[in-house]
Protein backbone atom coordinates (compact mmCIF):
# COMPACT_ATOMS: atom_id res chain seq x y z
CA MET A 1 -17.39 20.97 -25.76
CA LEU A 2 -17.52 18.92 -22.56
CA ALA A 3 -14.87 20.77 -20.74
CA GLU A 4 -16.56 24.08 -21.35
CA ARG A 5 -19.81 22.47 -20.23
CA ILE A 6 -17.97 21.20 -16.99
CA ARG A 7 -16.22 24.65 -16.54
CA GLN A 8 -19.58 26.35 -16.48
CA HIS A 9 -21.04 24.34 -13.56
CA LEU A 10 -17.89 24.53 -11.36
CA SER A 11 -16.45 27.03 -9.12
CA ALA A 12 -13.40 29.14 -9.97
CA ASP A 13 -11.37 26.94 -7.72
CA ALA A 14 -11.81 24.23 -9.84
CA GLU A 15 -9.16 23.66 -12.74
CA ILE A 16 -10.09 21.74 -15.95
CA VAL A 17 -6.94 19.96 -17.48
CA VAL A 18 -7.39 19.20 -21.22
CA ALA A 19 -3.72 20.11 -22.63
CA ALA A 20 -1.93 17.03 -23.62
CA LYS A 21 1.21 18.30 -21.70
CA GLU A 22 -0.55 18.86 -18.54
CA LEU A 23 -2.45 15.51 -18.91
CA GLN A 24 0.69 13.39 -19.35
CA SER A 25 1.46 12.88 -15.75
CA TYR A 26 -1.94 11.34 -15.64
CA ARG A 27 -1.11 8.88 -18.38
CA TYR A 28 1.88 7.39 -16.94
CA ASN A 29 1.64 4.51 -15.20
CA CYS A 30 3.56 1.36 -13.99
CA GLU A 31 1.24 -1.35 -15.27
CA GLY A 32 1.13 -0.95 -19.14
CA ASN A 33 -2.55 0.31 -19.22
CA PRO A 34 -3.77 2.01 -22.10
CA ASP A 35 -4.15 5.70 -22.63
CA ASN A 36 -7.59 6.52 -21.26
CA VAL A 37 -7.28 10.10 -19.90
CA HIS A 38 -8.42 13.08 -21.92
CA LEU A 39 -10.15 15.44 -19.44
CA VAL A 40 -9.10 15.96 -15.62
CA VAL A 41 -11.22 17.92 -13.28
CA LYS A 42 -9.19 18.96 -10.00
CA VAL A 43 -11.30 20.27 -7.13
CA LYS A 44 -10.65 21.81 -3.93
CA THR A 45 -14.06 21.72 -2.66
CA GLU A 46 -16.85 19.23 -1.65
CA SER A 47 -19.36 21.58 -3.37
CA ASP A 48 -17.24 21.09 -6.80
CA ILE A 49 -17.62 17.22 -6.64
CA LEU A 50 -21.47 17.64 -6.14
CA ALA A 51 -21.65 19.99 -8.95
CA LEU A 52 -19.62 17.69 -11.23
CA LEU A 53 -21.83 14.60 -10.16
CA ALA A 54 -24.85 16.83 -10.84
CA LEU A 55 -23.93 17.64 -14.40
CA ALA A 56 -22.79 14.00 -15.10
CA ARG A 57 -26.52 12.90 -14.01
CA GLU A 58 -28.09 15.62 -16.29
CA LEU A 59 -26.08 14.53 -19.19
CA ALA A 60 -26.22 10.54 -18.39
CA GLN A 61 -28.63 10.13 -21.58
CA SER A 62 -27.30 12.51 -23.93
CA GLU A 63 -24.39 12.55 -26.55
CA GLN A 64 -22.24 14.20 -23.93
CA ALA A 65 -22.67 11.61 -21.19
CA PHE A 66 -19.52 11.18 -18.99
CA GLN A 67 -18.37 9.01 -16.18
CA VAL A 68 -16.23 9.93 -13.29
CA PHE A 69 -12.91 8.29 -12.12
CA PRO A 70 -11.97 9.87 -8.54
CA ILE A 71 -8.08 9.53 -7.61
CA SER A 72 -6.64 10.86 -4.59
CA THR A 73 -3.09 11.35 -5.35
CA GLY A 74 -2.96 9.04 -7.98
CA ARG A 75 -0.05 7.04 -6.86
CA ASN A 76 -1.62 3.37 -6.75
CA TRP A 77 1.60 2.30 -8.26
CA GLY A 78 1.38 -1.34 -9.43
CA TYR A 79 -2.38 -1.51 -9.34
CA ASN A 80 -3.63 1.04 -11.62
CA SER A 81 -1.37 4.08 -10.97
CA ALA A 82 -3.84 7.02 -11.99
CA THR A 83 -5.10 5.42 -15.16
CA PRO A 84 -8.88 4.47 -15.40
CA ASN A 85 -9.48 1.19 -17.32
CA ARG A 86 -11.92 2.87 -19.91
CA PRO A 87 -12.58 6.76 -20.85
CA ALA A 88 -13.85 8.89 -18.03
CA VAL A 89 -13.32 12.15 -16.38
CA ILE A 90 -10.53 11.99 -13.91
CA LEU A 91 -11.71 13.56 -10.72
CA ASP A 92 -8.48 14.50 -9.07
CA LEU A 93 -9.07 15.04 -5.19
CA GLY A 94 -5.54 15.77 -4.38
CA ALA A 95 -6.11 19.50 -3.64
CA LEU A 96 -8.80 18.18 -0.89
CA ASN A 97 -6.07 17.96 1.85
CA LYS A 98 -7.13 19.14 5.13
CA ILE A 99 -6.69 17.72 8.33
CA ARG A 100 -8.81 18.12 11.20
CA VAL A 101 -8.09 17.59 14.85
CA ILE A 102 -11.15 15.66 16.29
CA ASP A 103 -9.61 15.04 19.77
CA ALA A 104 -5.98 15.17 20.17
CA ASN A 105 -6.00 13.55 23.47
CA LEU A 106 -7.96 10.72 22.09
CA GLY A 107 -5.94 10.56 18.98
CA LEU A 108 -8.72 10.96 16.39
CA PHE A 109 -7.93 12.72 13.22
CA ALA A 110 -9.85 13.54 10.12
CA VAL A 111 -8.16 13.68 6.76
CA GLN A 112 -9.40 14.36 3.15
CA PRO A 113 -8.13 12.34 0.25
CA GLY A 114 -5.12 14.56 -0.58
CA VAL A 115 -3.37 14.18 2.87
CA THR A 116 -0.30 12.32 2.32
CA GLN A 117 1.53 10.23 4.81
CA GLN A 118 4.28 13.07 4.79
CA GLN A 119 1.63 16.04 5.21
CA LEU A 120 0.30 14.05 8.19
CA ARG A 121 3.68 13.46 9.73
CA ASP A 122 4.50 17.32 9.39
CA PHE A 123 1.28 18.23 10.94
CA LEU A 124 1.77 16.27 13.86
CA ASP A 125 5.17 17.44 14.24
CA GLN A 126 4.29 21.19 13.89
CA GLN A 127 1.41 20.60 16.64
CA GLN A 128 3.90 18.63 19.00
CA LEU A 129 1.43 15.69 18.67
CA ALA A 130 3.23 12.45 19.58
CA PHE A 131 1.18 9.92 17.42
CA MET A 132 2.26 7.42 14.54
CA VAL A 133 1.32 8.11 11.09
CA PRO A 134 -0.22 4.74 9.27
CA VAL A 135 2.83 4.44 7.04
CA THR A 136 3.32 2.04 3.92
CA GLY A 137 6.16 1.36 1.84
CA ALA A 138 4.31 3.47 -1.00
CA GLY A 139 6.25 6.50 0.35
CA PRO A 140 5.56 9.95 1.77
CA SER A 141 3.59 11.11 -1.45
CA CYS A 142 0.86 8.63 -1.00
CA SER A 143 -2.55 9.17 0.19
CA ILE A 144 -3.71 8.12 3.72
CA LEU A 145 -7.39 8.12 3.05
CA ALA A 146 -6.89 6.11 -0.37
CA ASN A 147 -4.65 3.37 1.35
CA ALA A 148 -7.38 2.84 4.15
CA LEU A 149 -10.16 2.39 1.23
CA GLU A 150 -8.05 -0.04 -0.29
CA ARG A 151 -7.85 -2.02 2.86
CA GLY A 152 -4.02 -1.65 2.91
CA TYR A 153 -2.03 -2.33 5.94
CA GLY A 154 1.41 -1.59 7.47
CA ILE A 155 4.11 -2.82 9.88
CA THR A 156 3.10 0.00 12.60
CA PRO A 157 0.98 -1.24 15.82
CA TYR A 158 -2.26 -0.48 13.96
CA THR A 159 -1.66 -2.68 10.98
CA ASP A 160 -4.90 -2.88 9.46
CA HIS A 161 -5.43 0.42 8.05
CA PHE A 162 -9.17 0.45 7.32
CA GLY A 163 -9.45 -1.07 10.75
CA ALA A 164 -8.31 2.28 12.20
CA VAL A 165 -10.91 4.17 10.38
CA THR A 166 -14.02 4.99 12.82
CA ALA A 167 -15.93 7.53 10.53
CA MET A 168 -16.60 8.21 6.87
CA ARG A 169 -18.19 10.92 4.94
CA ALA A 170 -19.60 9.39 1.60
CA ILE A 171 -20.94 11.11 -1.55
CA LEU A 172 -23.32 9.05 -3.73
CA ALA A 173 -24.03 9.53 -7.41
CA ASP A 174 -27.23 11.49 -6.75
CA GLY A 175 -25.45 13.89 -4.32
CA SER A 176 -26.58 12.50 -0.93
CA ILE A 177 -23.70 12.61 1.69
CA VAL A 178 -24.04 9.40 3.85
CA GLN A 179 -22.71 9.27 7.42
CA SER A 180 -23.32 6.74 10.10
CA ALA A 181 -26.60 6.49 11.97
CA VAL A 182 -24.78 7.72 15.16
CA ALA A 183 -23.93 10.80 13.20
CA GLU A 184 -27.60 11.58 12.46
CA LEU A 185 -28.89 10.53 15.65
CA ASP A 186 -26.42 12.76 17.54
CA GLN A 187 -28.02 16.04 18.60
CA SER A 188 -24.94 17.29 20.40
CA ALA A 189 -23.11 20.52 19.26
CA GLU A 190 -19.72 18.69 19.34
CA GLN A 191 -20.81 15.44 17.49
CA LEU A 192 -17.95 13.54 19.01
CA ILE A 193 -19.06 10.05 19.38
CA ASP A 194 -19.53 8.92 15.56
CA HIS A 195 -15.86 9.45 15.41
CA THR A 196 -15.22 7.29 18.46
CA TYR A 197 -17.15 4.25 17.28
CA LYS A 198 -16.51 2.36 14.23
CA TYR A 199 -19.64 0.42 13.73
CA GLY A 200 -22.55 2.95 14.19
CA VAL A 201 -25.99 1.57 14.82
CA GLY A 202 -28.00 -0.31 12.15
CA PRO A 203 -26.39 -1.81 8.98
CA TYR A 204 -22.62 -1.17 8.81
CA LEU A 205 -22.35 0.90 5.40
CA ASP A 206 -18.89 2.16 5.61
CA GLY A 207 -17.25 -0.76 4.60
CA LEU A 208 -19.14 -0.44 1.17
CA TRP A 209 -17.49 2.44 0.38
CA THR A 210 -14.04 0.64 0.33
CA GLN A 211 -12.67 -1.33 -2.64
CA SER A 212 -15.64 -0.09 -4.31
CA ASN A 213 -17.13 2.28 -6.94
CA LEU A 214 -20.29 3.10 -4.79
CA ALA A 215 -19.42 6.36 -3.52
CA ILE A 216 -16.69 9.04 -3.37
CA VAL A 217 -15.11 9.19 0.15
CA SER A 218 -14.44 12.89 1.12
CA GLU A 219 -13.20 12.57 4.47
CA LEU A 220 -12.58 9.76 7.24
CA THR A 221 -11.52 9.63 10.64
CA LEU A 222 -8.63 7.95 11.74
CA ARG A 223 -7.68 6.24 15.20
CA LEU A 224 -4.02 7.17 15.28
CA LYS A 225 -1.72 5.00 17.55
CA ALA A 226 0.21 7.33 20.50
CA GLN A 227 3.93 7.29 20.00
CA PRO A 228 5.13 4.49 22.69
CA GLN A 229 7.44 4.96 25.22
CA ALA A 230 9.67 2.45 24.08
CA PHE A 231 10.36 1.03 20.70
CA GLU A 232 12.48 -2.35 19.80
CA ALA A 233 12.89 -3.67 16.08
CA PHE A 234 14.07 -7.12 15.71
CA TYR A 235 15.82 -8.96 13.13
CA ILE A 236 16.19 -12.95 12.89
CA GLN A 237 18.30 -14.31 10.46
CA PHE A 238 18.00 -18.19 9.02
CA GLN A 239 21.11 -18.97 6.96
CA HIS A 240 19.48 -21.81 4.77
CA ASP A 241 16.69 -22.01 2.95
CA THR A 242 15.26 -25.08 4.65
CA ASP A 243 15.04 -23.09 7.96
CA PHE A 244 11.71 -21.80 6.73
CA GLU A 245 9.79 -23.68 8.68
CA VAL A 246 11.35 -22.85 11.76
CA ALA A 247 11.05 -19.14 11.00
CA GLN A 248 7.52 -19.50 10.30
CA GLN A 249 6.96 -21.26 13.58
CA ILE A 250 8.79 -18.56 15.42
CA VAL A 251 6.54 -15.70 13.80
CA PHE A 252 3.49 -17.57 14.80
CA GLN A 253 4.58 -17.95 18.44
CA ILE A 254 5.59 -14.05 18.60
CA LEU A 255 2.21 -12.76 17.02
CA ARG A 256 0.17 -15.47 19.18
CA ASP A 257 1.91 -14.77 22.72
CA LEU A 258 2.86 -11.20 22.29
CA GLU A 259 -0.23 -9.70 20.86
CA GLY A 260 -0.74 -6.10 21.54
CA VAL A 261 2.99 -5.80 21.88
CA VAL A 262 4.27 -6.69 18.59
CA GLY A 263 3.29 -5.00 15.30
CA SER A 264 3.23 -6.93 11.96
CA VAL A 265 6.08 -9.17 11.23
CA ASN A 266 7.73 -9.55 7.81
CA ILE A 267 9.68 -12.88 6.54
CA MET A 268 11.73 -11.91 3.41
CA ASP A 269 13.78 -14.44 1.19
CA ARG A 270 17.14 -13.72 0.18
CA ARG A 271 16.47 -12.39 -3.42
CA ARG A 272 14.15 -9.81 -2.06
CA VAL A 273 16.47 -8.33 0.33
CA ALA A 274 19.48 -8.33 -2.16
CA ALA A 275 17.33 -6.64 -4.57
CA MET A 276 17.17 -3.76 -1.53
CA MET A 277 20.66 -3.81 -1.33
CA ALA A 278 22.20 -3.95 -4.68
CA ASP A 279 21.86 -3.20 -8.18
CA ASN A 280 20.65 -5.42 -10.83
CA PRO A 281 23.76 -7.78 -11.63
CA ASN A 282 22.24 -8.55 -15.28
CA GLY A 283 21.90 -4.81 -15.80
CA ARG A 284 18.53 -2.80 -15.59
CA ALA A 285 17.19 -3.37 -19.01
CA ALA A 286 17.74 -7.31 -18.82
CA HIS A 287 14.87 -9.40 -18.64
CA GLN A 288 16.26 -12.49 -16.67
CA VAL A 289 16.45 -13.48 -13.31
CA MET A 290 19.54 -13.55 -11.11
CA SER A 291 21.54 -16.95 -11.15
CA ASP A 292 22.16 -18.71 -7.83
CA SER A 293 25.84 -17.61 -8.08
CA GLN A 294 24.86 -13.83 -8.39
CA VAL A 295 22.54 -14.08 -5.72
CA ALA A 296 25.35 -15.76 -3.49
CA ARG A 297 27.68 -13.16 -4.30
CA ILE A 298 25.30 -10.34 -3.21
CA ALA A 299 24.64 -12.26 -0.16
CA LYS A 300 28.06 -12.79 0.74
CA ASP A 301 28.81 -8.68 0.30
CA TYR A 302 26.06 -7.86 2.52
CA ASP A 303 25.89 -10.56 4.89
CA ILE A 304 22.10 -11.60 3.62
CA PRO A 305 20.66 -14.94 4.80
CA ALA A 306 18.18 -17.23 3.25
CA TRP A 307 15.45 -15.80 5.57
CA THR A 308 14.96 -12.66 7.27
CA ILE A 309 12.57 -12.00 9.93
CA ALA A 310 11.82 -8.19 10.74
CA GLY A 311 9.56 -6.93 13.46
CA THR A 312 8.81 -4.33 15.96
CA LEU A 313 7.99 -4.33 19.74
CA TYR A 314 5.95 -1.32 21.21
CA GLY A 315 5.01 -0.11 24.69
CA ARG A 316 6.17 0.89 28.13
CA SER A 317 9.76 0.41 28.71
CA LYS A 318 9.61 -2.42 31.04
CA VAL A 319 7.13 -4.25 28.77
CA VAL A 320 9.40 -3.93 25.61
CA LEU A 321 12.21 -5.17 27.65
CA ALA A 322 10.16 -7.96 28.77
CA ALA A 323 8.77 -8.68 25.30
CA ALA A 324 12.33 -8.56 23.86
CA LYS A 325 13.29 -11.24 26.52
CA GLU A 326 10.49 -13.42 25.32
CA VAL A 327 11.50 -13.10 21.70
CA LYS A 328 14.82 -14.53 22.62
CA LEU A 329 13.15 -17.17 24.65
CA LEU A 330 11.08 -18.12 21.54
CA ILE A 331 14.14 -18.37 19.25
CA ALA A 332 16.20 -20.38 21.80
CA GLY A 333 19.10 -21.12 19.37
CA ARG A 334 16.91 -21.77 16.46
CA ALA A 335 18.23 -18.87 14.35
CA SER A 336 21.64 -18.01 12.66
CA LYS A 337 21.64 -14.62 14.20
CA VAL A 338 19.35 -12.62 16.07
CA LEU A 339 19.87 -8.43 16.17
CA PHE A 340 17.72 -5.77 18.13
CA SER A 341 17.93 -2.21 17.16
CA SER A 342 19.39 -1.24 20.44
CA SER A 343 22.09 -3.69 20.26
CA LEU A 344 25.67 -2.90 20.87
CA LEU A 345 26.59 -4.46 17.44
CA ILE A 346 24.43 -2.37 15.50
CA LYS A 347 25.92 0.51 17.26
CA ALA A 348 29.23 -0.44 16.65
CA GLY A 349 28.71 -0.86 13.13
CA LYS A 350 27.32 2.66 12.85
CA LEU A 351 30.48 4.04 14.69
CA ALA A 352 32.79 2.09 12.36
CA VAL A 353 30.97 3.29 9.44
CA LYS A 354 31.19 6.93 10.77
CA LEU A 355 34.96 6.44 11.36
CA PHE A 356 35.71 4.52 7.73
CA PRO A 357 33.02 5.44 5.22
CA SER A 358 35.16 4.87 2.20
CA LEU A 359 36.17 1.38 3.44
CA LEU A 360 32.56 0.33 4.46
CA ALA A 361 30.63 1.49 1.74
CA LYS A 362 28.51 -1.77 1.74
CA PRO A 363 27.96 -2.00 5.32
CA ALA A 364 26.98 1.90 5.42
CA LYS A 365 24.29 1.21 2.87
CA MET A 366 22.88 -1.79 4.60
CA LEU A 367 22.82 0.25 7.82
CA ALA A 368 21.27 3.37 6.17
CA SER A 369 18.39 0.81 4.83
CA LEU A 370 18.17 -0.28 8.22
CA ASP A 371 17.68 3.00 9.78
CA ALA A 372 15.33 4.14 6.90
CA GLY A 373 13.34 0.66 8.05
CA ILE A 374 13.26 1.59 11.57
CA ASP A 375 11.70 5.01 10.66
CA ILE A 376 9.06 3.28 8.91
CA MET A 377 8.30 0.90 11.93
CA ARG A 378 8.14 4.24 14.14
CA GLY A 379 5.54 5.95 11.72
CA ILE A 380 8.05 8.13 10.04
CA PRO A 381 7.39 7.98 6.10
CA ASN A 382 10.26 7.66 3.82
CA GLN A 383 11.15 6.02 0.49
CA VAL A 384 13.22 3.26 1.61
CA ALA A 385 11.21 0.54 -0.41
CA LEU A 386 10.35 2.54 -3.46
CA PRO A 387 13.90 2.00 -5.32
CA LEU A 388 12.78 -1.80 -5.95
CA ALA A 389 10.51 -0.47 -8.71
CA TYR A 390 13.49 0.70 -10.58
CA TRP A 391 15.24 -2.29 -10.63
CA ARG A 392 14.84 -2.98 -14.30
CA ASN A 393 14.53 0.87 -15.16
CA PRO A 394 17.46 1.35 -17.78
CA THR A 395 16.49 5.01 -18.03
CA THR A 396 16.23 6.11 -14.44
CA ILE A 397 18.27 5.52 -11.31
CA PRO A 398 16.49 6.33 -8.24
CA ASP A 399 18.05 8.98 -6.07
CA ARG A 400 16.42 9.25 -2.76
CA ASN A 401 17.36 12.71 -2.19
CA ARG A 402 14.47 13.65 -4.73
CA PRO A 403 10.64 12.69 -4.49
CA LEU A 404 10.45 9.24 -6.41
CA ASN A 405 7.60 8.62 -8.80
CA PRO A 406 7.63 5.09 -10.26
CA ALA A 407 5.05 5.97 -12.83
CA THR A 408 6.34 9.24 -14.23
CA ASP A 409 9.86 7.49 -13.98
CA ASN A 410 8.54 5.02 -16.30
CA CYS A 411 9.13 1.86 -13.94
CA GLY A 412 7.47 -1.27 -14.68
CA LEU A 413 5.46 -2.90 -11.56
CA LEU A 414 2.84 -5.22 -10.88
CA TRP A 415 1.71 -6.61 -7.63
CA TYR A 416 0.59 -10.39 -6.88
CA ALA A 417 -0.69 -10.13 -3.40
CA PRO A 418 -2.50 -13.43 -2.09
CA LEU A 419 -3.61 -14.29 1.17
CA VAL A 420 -1.84 -17.47 2.22
CA PRO A 421 -2.89 -20.02 5.19
CA MET A 422 -0.66 -19.45 8.18
CA ARG A 423 0.63 -23.21 7.85
CA ALA A 424 4.09 -24.27 7.14
CA VAL A 425 3.15 -26.54 4.47
CA ALA A 426 0.79 -24.28 2.78
CA MET A 427 3.52 -21.43 2.87
CA ARG A 428 6.16 -23.59 1.73
CA ASP A 429 4.15 -24.90 -1.26
CA TYR A 430 3.59 -20.94 -2.04
CA ILE A 431 7.15 -20.52 -2.11
CA ASN A 432 7.95 -23.39 -4.37
CA HIS A 433 5.02 -22.02 -6.70
CA ILE A 434 6.66 -18.65 -6.91
CA ARG A 435 9.85 -20.04 -7.62
CA SER A 436 8.67 -22.28 -10.29
CA VAL A 437 6.46 -19.70 -12.17
CA CYS A 438 8.27 -16.56 -11.84
CA PRO A 439 11.57 -17.54 -13.49
CA ARG A 440 9.93 -18.85 -16.63
CA TYR A 441 8.58 -15.39 -17.42
CA GLY A 442 12.00 -13.73 -16.72
CA ILE A 443 10.54 -12.32 -13.31
CA GLU A 444 12.86 -12.16 -10.26
CA PRO A 445 11.07 -14.47 -7.54
CA MET A 446 11.08 -11.85 -4.77
CA ILE A 447 9.16 -13.35 -1.45
CA THR A 448 7.90 -11.50 1.29
CA PHE A 449 5.36 -12.63 3.86
CA THR A 450 3.63 -10.02 5.96
CA ASN A 451 2.26 -11.72 9.00
CA LEU A 452 -0.79 -9.30 10.61
CA ARG A 453 -1.97 -11.55 13.07
CA HIS A 454 -0.89 -15.13 14.23
CA ASP A 455 -3.51 -16.67 11.93
CA MET A 456 -3.45 -14.07 9.17
CA VAL A 457 -0.62 -13.74 6.34
CA ASP A 458 -0.55 -11.74 3.20
CA SER A 459 2.41 -12.15 0.49
CA THR A 460 3.58 -9.45 -1.67
CA ILE A 461 5.28 -10.29 -4.77
CA PRO A 462 6.85 -7.53 -6.73
CA ILE A 463 6.62 -8.06 -10.52
CA VAL A 464 9.22 -5.72 -11.73
CA PHE A 465 9.84 -5.47 -15.42
CA ASN A 466 11.25 -2.88 -18.15
CA ARG A 467 8.40 -0.68 -18.99
CA ASN A 468 10.17 0.39 -22.11
CA ASP A 469 10.43 -3.41 -23.27
CA PRO A 470 7.20 -4.57 -25.03
CA VAL A 471 8.11 -8.14 -24.57
CA ALA A 472 8.66 -7.86 -20.84
CA MET A 473 5.71 -6.09 -19.94
CA GLN A 474 3.63 -8.90 -21.91
CA GLN A 475 5.61 -11.55 -19.80
CA ALA A 476 5.16 -9.71 -16.63
CA LYS A 477 1.37 -9.85 -17.22
CA ALA A 478 1.24 -13.16 -18.49
CA CYS A 479 3.51 -14.14 -15.18
CA LEU A 480 0.89 -12.43 -12.72
CA HIS A 481 -2.18 -14.11 -14.53
CA GLU A 482 -0.42 -17.66 -13.96
CA LEU A 483 0.42 -16.80 -10.60
CA VAL A 484 -3.23 -15.79 -9.58
CA SER A 485 -4.94 -18.72 -11.64
CA ILE A 486 -2.91 -21.37 -10.25
CA GLY A 487 -3.00 -19.97 -6.88
CA LEU A 488 -6.69 -19.75 -6.77
CA THR A 489 -6.75 -23.55 -7.21
CA LYS A 490 -4.45 -23.74 -3.91
CA GLY A 491 -6.67 -21.18 -1.82
CA TRP A 492 -4.28 -18.29 -2.24
CA VAL A 493 -6.70 -15.40 -3.02
CA PRO A 494 -5.45 -11.73 -3.53
CA TYR A 495 -6.62 -9.04 -1.20
CA ARG A 496 -6.37 -6.50 -3.73
CA LEU A 497 -6.86 -6.61 -7.65
CA ASN A 498 -5.59 -4.05 -10.35
CA LEU A 499 -8.26 -3.18 -12.93
CA GLU A 500 -7.11 -5.81 -15.57
CA GLN A 501 -7.63 -8.31 -12.71
CA GLN A 502 -10.81 -7.08 -11.47
CA ALA A 503 -12.40 -7.32 -15.30
CA GLU A 504 -11.04 -10.75 -15.67
CA LEU A 505 -12.05 -12.36 -12.24
CA ILE A 506 -15.12 -10.50 -11.40
CA SER A 507 -17.76 -13.03 -12.64
CA ASP A 508 -21.59 -12.40 -12.87
CA LYS A 509 -21.92 -15.85 -12.09
CA ALA A 510 -20.89 -15.08 -8.58
CA MET A 511 -23.53 -14.33 -5.99
CA PHE A 512 -21.49 -11.85 -4.31
CA TRP A 513 -20.90 -9.80 -7.41
CA GLN A 514 -24.67 -10.06 -8.13
CA VAL A 515 -25.37 -8.34 -5.04
CA VAL A 516 -22.88 -5.54 -5.55
CA LYS A 517 -24.23 -5.11 -9.10
CA LYS A 518 -27.85 -4.67 -7.50
CA LEU A 519 -26.28 -2.22 -4.73
CA LYS A 520 -24.53 -0.33 -7.96
CA PHE A 521 -27.78 -0.02 -9.67
CA VAL A 522 -29.80 1.39 -7.04
CA LEU A 523 -27.28 3.87 -5.58
CA ASP A 524 -25.74 4.73 -9.20
CA PRO A 525 -28.19 3.79 -11.89
CA ASN A 526 -26.31 5.88 -14.26
CA ASN A 527 -23.08 4.07 -13.56
CA ILE A 528 -21.55 7.40 -13.11
CA ILE A 529 -18.87 6.75 -10.69
CA SER A 530 -15.73 4.35 -11.60
CA PRO A 531 -17.57 2.03 -14.02
CA GLY A 532 -15.97 -1.32 -13.87
CA ARG A 533 -14.10 -0.84 -10.60
CA TYR A 534 -14.86 -3.61 -8.16
CA SER A 535 -17.93 -4.52 -9.97
CA LEU A 536 -19.65 -6.24 -12.94
């Protein structure tokens, strides 16, 4: 039996999971993926990773041959959760959760796969180290390392999370451990310099380990942003849908002219914000979009405009104060309303809610969401974004006072996340595309643009569906398929793909993927690590 064979090769610290009840948490997923989970190996040491790979190589040509699907925390909700796209031994790296301080003064920290956003936050607080965690909307329980390997991003100053990675430790299928040439050339006892310089000497290999199946990354070093002396969040509202082009131009100017002071900037439409504020007016089991009148009613109750810009300013107090003035000048009366997190209006609203909580329940909810959003901008992880995954979950109402897990709670969620040209005409065409396609499949067209730089924008469209409804699940996947296929003809290319999309879109006719195939054959000739993941 394979489980027994694996047990013999690993240390007593490793755990082999074969019981159906214990496997179930790995089988849950948000995407409607088939159940390919039959054996899980949970390791606590790098030596057990090496031992498992050695056994996989030994058995590669036998009837007991197996492949390995590594996960960090398995909370890749909306892309594949913890479920592989074909039968494989899941290698759970969640117990590898050590944090190393490389240099606290320089802000360099090494993390293993199991280190979560909350664990890093707690570590920094306990050590009284004033740095920001590279948070995402996925929440406190998600892996820092895995998000960087997926080339994820956030709204804090170091928006590009892989861009903040300075060093990696990668394990190849043959058991080789690869670090940069700088690390191998450095003969000093401390060996610091590799952690400070991202690109090393010679060909840059670390990028090969991201969005790939070429290696297992057991540790990476992050450059963390020091907590700024001053912080200011700003919210710019536009009452009419036709104001989008003005909003887009303002964001472009803010990011171009205030680079280094402003983080990423989000533009959200009314339906996206409404889903954050209110329950689904059609009921959580319904597979239909909100009517215009329903959206208008929610917008009136919560004072939600057609478009909302949310951004942040970081830096020295005088710099942030001057930047806030520049933002006001750039807006110059072109918006319906402008709010800053330090404004008297927000402070007065919080006081009123505190004095009259029963009379101001809806404003209280909005202010609480605002506060949670500000924490995210400060690098403090929370679950403010997760309830969206539950918007069409008829069996579970999200309780932010408990840890949320959309997969185990049976939420239906897929993501469409294309890169879109930072041009008003292209973005308007994209908006029309989303609003045309999604309703035809019963999917709520909720739009967010995340502008990482003045010339770069990604859009995230959450495809939320009732996971208990097979028709709704089929419609959700068909919606994603049409969004992607038409989008590609427009030049809107996803920056991330779920496993089903990878199988569909990665072509052996493309030279890029032919090169990846050659690399895979050289580095992993027995196709042991994550077969089919970002590869042919």
